Amino acid sequence: MSSSPSTGGPASRPPRKPTRAQLRAMEARNAAVGREAPSAKLAADGVPVTRKVAPVTSNARLRQGGRTITLTREQEYDYITGDLRRLVIIASILLVLMLVILYIVER
């Protein structure tokens, strides 16, 4: 039975370092909220070294895919109504198509 490092016993395997993609995702999330991001390096005592993340400008946020759009309640309900209308149309077309195929197969 192996015990975790938090209980004081030896760990079964050393902790894995985060991948480059995970580090990039952490930095993007932390930059969006303005927090410091931990780097992949650990200090001598095993504590992650942190570095200050520069604030993200609107242009950088657009390049990272973090564009936000604010809609009014009416605009949002218009989108929802349009989506529901399209779903009903597609469902009815599929139902009619299935009935036609059933009629053709039964003959």
C-alpha atoms as a PDB file:
ATOM      1  CA  MET A   1       0.000   0.000   0.000  1.00  0.00           C
ATOM      2  CA  SER A   2       1.488   3.333  -1.017  1.00  0.00           C
ATOM      3  CA  SER A   3       0.860   6.534   0.813  1.00  0.00           C
ATOM      4  CA  SER A   4       0.623   9.975  -0.675  1.00  0.00           C
ATOM      5  CA  PRO A   5       3.205  12.709  -0.078  1.00  0.00           C
ATOM      6  CA  SER A   6       0.690  14.694   1.980  1.00  0.00           C
ATOM      7  CA  THR A   7       0.596  11.928   4.635  1.00  0.00           C
ATOM      8  CA  GLY A   8       4.348  11.968   5.009  1.00  0.00           C
ATOM      9  CA  GLY A   9       5.049   8.541   3.492  1.00  0.00           C
ATOM     10  CA  PRO A  10       7.088   7.845   0.395  1.00  0.00           C
ATOM     11  CA  ALA A  11       5.321   8.445  -2.892  1.00  0.00           C
ATOM     12  CA  SER A  12       4.925   5.569  -5.332  1.00  0.00           C
ATOM     13  CA  ARG A  13       6.159   7.768  -8.197  1.00  0.00           C
ATOM     14  CA  PRO A  14       7.381  11.351  -8.488  1.00  0.00           C
ATOM     15  CA  PRO A  15       4.853  14.027  -9.452  1.00  0.00           C
ATOM     16  CA  ARG A  16       4.656  14.642 -13.191  1.00  0.00           C
ATOM     17  CA  LYS A  17       5.566  17.993 -14.650  1.00  0.00           C
ATOM     18  CA  PRO A  18       2.762  19.701 -16.575  1.00  0.00           C
ATOM     19  CA  THR A  19       2.991  19.554 -20.346  1.00  0.00           C
ATOM     20  CA  ARG A  20       3.615  22.625 -22.471  1.00  0.00           C
ATOM     21  CA  ALA A  21      -0.042  22.721 -23.524  1.00  0.00           C
ATOM     22  CA  GLN A  22      -1.173  22.563 -19.890  1.00  0.00           C
ATOM     23  CA  LEU A  23       1.194  25.397 -18.970  1.00  0.00           C
ATOM     24  CA  ARG A  24      -0.090  27.503 -21.875  1.00  0.00           C
ATOM     25  CA  ALA A  25      -3.696  26.857 -20.845  1.00  0.00           C
ATOM     26  CA  MET A  26      -2.917  27.795 -17.219  1.00  0.00           C
ATOM     27  CA  GLU A  27      -1.241  31.000 -18.340  1.00  0.00           C
ATOM     28  CA  ALA A  28      -4.174  31.935 -20.565  1.00  0.00           C
ATOM     29  CA  ARG A  29      -6.693  31.302 -17.763  1.00  0.00           C
ATOM     30  CA  ASN A  30      -4.615  33.179 -15.209  1.00  0.00           C
ATOM     31  CA  ALA A  31      -4.024  36.077 -17.584  1.00  0.00           C
ATOM     32  CA  ALA A  32      -7.756  36.372 -18.161  1.00  0.00           C
ATOM     33  CA  VAL A  33      -8.361  36.840 -14.441  1.00  0.00           C
ATOM     34  CA  GLY A  34      -5.121  38.757 -13.774  1.00  0.00           C
ATOM     35  CA  ARG A  35      -3.466  36.242 -11.432  1.00  0.00           C
ATOM     36  CA  GLU A  36       0.133  35.101 -11.264  1.00  0.00           C
ATOM     37  CA  ALA A  37       0.836  31.911 -13.198  1.00  0.00           C
ATOM     38  CA  PRO A  38       3.101  29.182 -11.822  1.00  0.00           C
ATOM     39  CA  SER A  39       5.966  28.231 -14.071  1.00  0.00           C
ATOM     40  CA  ALA A  40       7.199  24.721 -14.686  1.00  0.00           C
ATOM     41  CA  LYS A  41      10.289  25.261 -12.527  1.00  0.00           C
ATOM     42  CA  LEU A  42      10.331  24.378  -8.850  1.00  0.00           C
ATOM     43  CA  ALA A  43      12.370  26.133  -6.202  1.00  0.00           C
ATOM     44  CA  ALA A  44      14.883  24.167  -4.128  1.00  0.00           C
ATOM     45  CA  ASP A  45      12.232  23.448  -1.488  1.00  0.00           C
ATOM     46  CA  GLY A  46       9.782  22.060  -4.096  1.00  0.00           C
ATOM     47  CA  VAL A  47       7.464  25.085  -4.133  1.00  0.00           C
ATOM     48  CA  PRO A  48       6.460  26.251  -7.624  1.00  0.00           C
ATOM     49  CA  VAL A  49       8.125  29.479  -8.740  1.00  0.00           C
ATOM     50  CA  THR A  50       5.579  32.065  -9.831  1.00  0.00           C
ATOM     51  CA  ARG A  51       5.997  34.834 -12.333  1.00  0.00           C
ATOM     52  CA  LYS A  52       3.867  37.852 -13.047  1.00  0.00           C
ATOM     53  CA  VAL A  53       1.692  37.556 -16.150  1.00  0.00           C
ATOM     54  CA  ALA A  54       1.280  40.655 -18.270  1.00  0.00           C
ATOM     55  CA  PRO A  55      -2.317  41.841 -18.631  1.00  0.00           C
ATOM     56  CA  VAL A  56      -3.963  40.636 -21.798  1.00  0.00           C
ATOM     57  CA  THR A  57      -5.031  43.310 -24.250  1.00  0.00           C
ATOM     58  CA  SER A  58      -8.148  42.977 -26.353  1.00  0.00           C
ATOM     59  CA  ASN A  59      -6.065  42.225 -29.466  1.00  0.00           C
ATOM     60  CA  ALA A  60      -4.175  39.440 -27.718  1.00  0.00           C
ATOM     61  CA  ARG A  61      -7.431  38.049 -26.359  1.00  0.00           C
ATOM     62  CA  LEU A  62      -8.844  37.945 -29.908  1.00  0.00           C
ATOM     63  CA  ARG A  63      -5.786  36.070 -31.138  1.00  0.00           C
ATOM     64  CA  GLN A  64      -6.169  33.568 -28.290  1.00  0.00           C
ATOM     65  CA  GLY A  65      -9.830  33.002 -29.129  1.00  0.00           C
ATOM     66  CA  GLY A  66     -11.194  34.607 -25.970  1.00  0.00           C
ATOM     67  CA  ARG A  67     -13.643  37.007 -27.579  1.00  0.00           C
ATOM     68  CA  THR A  68     -16.747  37.677 -25.526  1.00  0.00           C
ATOM     69  CA  ILE A  69     -20.042  39.001 -26.824  1.00  0.00           C
ATOM     70  CA  THR A  70     -22.651  40.538 -24.567  1.00  0.00           C
ATOM     71  CA  LEU A  71     -26.261  40.100 -25.659  1.00  0.00           C
ATOM     72  CA  THR A  72     -29.395  41.628 -24.276  1.00  0.00           C
ATOM     73  CA  ARG A  73     -32.104  39.331 -22.990  1.00  0.00           C
ATOM     74  CA  GLU A  74     -34.231  39.978 -26.081  1.00  0.00           C
ATOM     75  CA  GLN A  75     -31.364  39.149 -28.456  1.00  0.00           C
ATOM     76  CA  GLU A  76     -30.615  35.955 -26.568  1.00  0.00           C
ATOM     77  CA  TYR A  77     -34.270  34.869 -26.672  1.00  0.00           C
ATOM     78  CA  ASP A  78     -34.372  35.650 -30.400  1.00  0.00           C
ATOM     79  CA  TYR A  79     -31.421  33.297 -30.952  1.00  0.00           C
ATOM     80  CA  ILE A  80     -33.060  30.607 -28.805  1.00  0.00           C
ATOM     81  CA  THR A  81     -36.379  30.981 -30.644  1.00  0.00           C
ATOM     82  CA  GLY A  82     -34.634  30.724 -34.012  1.00  0.00           C
ATOM     83  CA  ASP A  83     -32.721  27.631 -32.893  1.00  0.00           C
ATOM     84  CA  LEU A  84     -35.891  25.956 -31.617  1.00  0.00           C
ATOM     85  CA  ARG A  85     -37.700  26.780 -34.861  1.00  0.00           C
ATOM     86  CA  ARG A  86     -34.873  25.184 -36.883  1.00  0.00           C
ATOM     87  CA  LEU A  87     -34.927  22.106 -34.623  1.00  0.00           C
ATOM     88  CA  VAL A  88     -38.687  21.671 -35.117  1.00  0.00           C
ATOM     89  CA  ILE A  89     -38.321  22.032 -38.892  1.00  0.00           C
ATOM     90  CA  ILE A  90     -35.473  19.492 -39.029  1.00  0.00           C
ATOM     91  CA  ALA A  91     -37.352  17.039 -36.776  1.00  0.00           C
ATOM     92  CA  SER A  92     -40.502  17.285 -38.903  1.00  0.00           C
ATOM     93  CA  ILE A  93     -38.531  16.778 -42.140  1.00  0.00           C
ATOM     94  CA  LEU A  94     -36.853  13.699 -40.650  1.00  0.00           C
ATOM     95  CA  LEU A  95     -40.215  12.324 -39.468  1.00  0.00           C
ATOM     96  CA  VAL A  96     -41.764  12.774 -42.914  1.00  0.00           C
ATOM     97  CA  LEU A  97     -38.696  11.204 -44.523  1.00  0.00           C
ATOM     98  CA  MET A  98     -38.895   8.203 -42.185  1.00  0.00           C
ATOM     99  CA  LEU A  99     -42.604   7.741 -42.960  1.00  0.00           C
ATOM    100  CA  VAL A 100     -41.919   7.894 -46.711  1.00  0.00           C
ATOM    101  CA  ILE A 101     -39.134   5.340 -46.393  1.00  0.00           C
ATOM    102  CA  LEU A 102     -41.393   3.107 -44.265  1.00  0.00           C
ATOM    103  CA  TYR A 103     -44.126   3.312 -46.910  1.00  0.00           C
ATOM    104  CA  ILE A 104     -41.634   2.443 -49.685  1.00  0.00           C
ATOM    105  CA  VAL A 105     -40.153  -0.482 -47.741  1.00  0.00           C
ATOM    106  CA  GLU A 106     -43.573  -1.930 -46.821  1.00  0.00           C
ATOM    107  CA  ARG A 107     -44.707  -2.116 -50.478  1.00  0.00           C
END
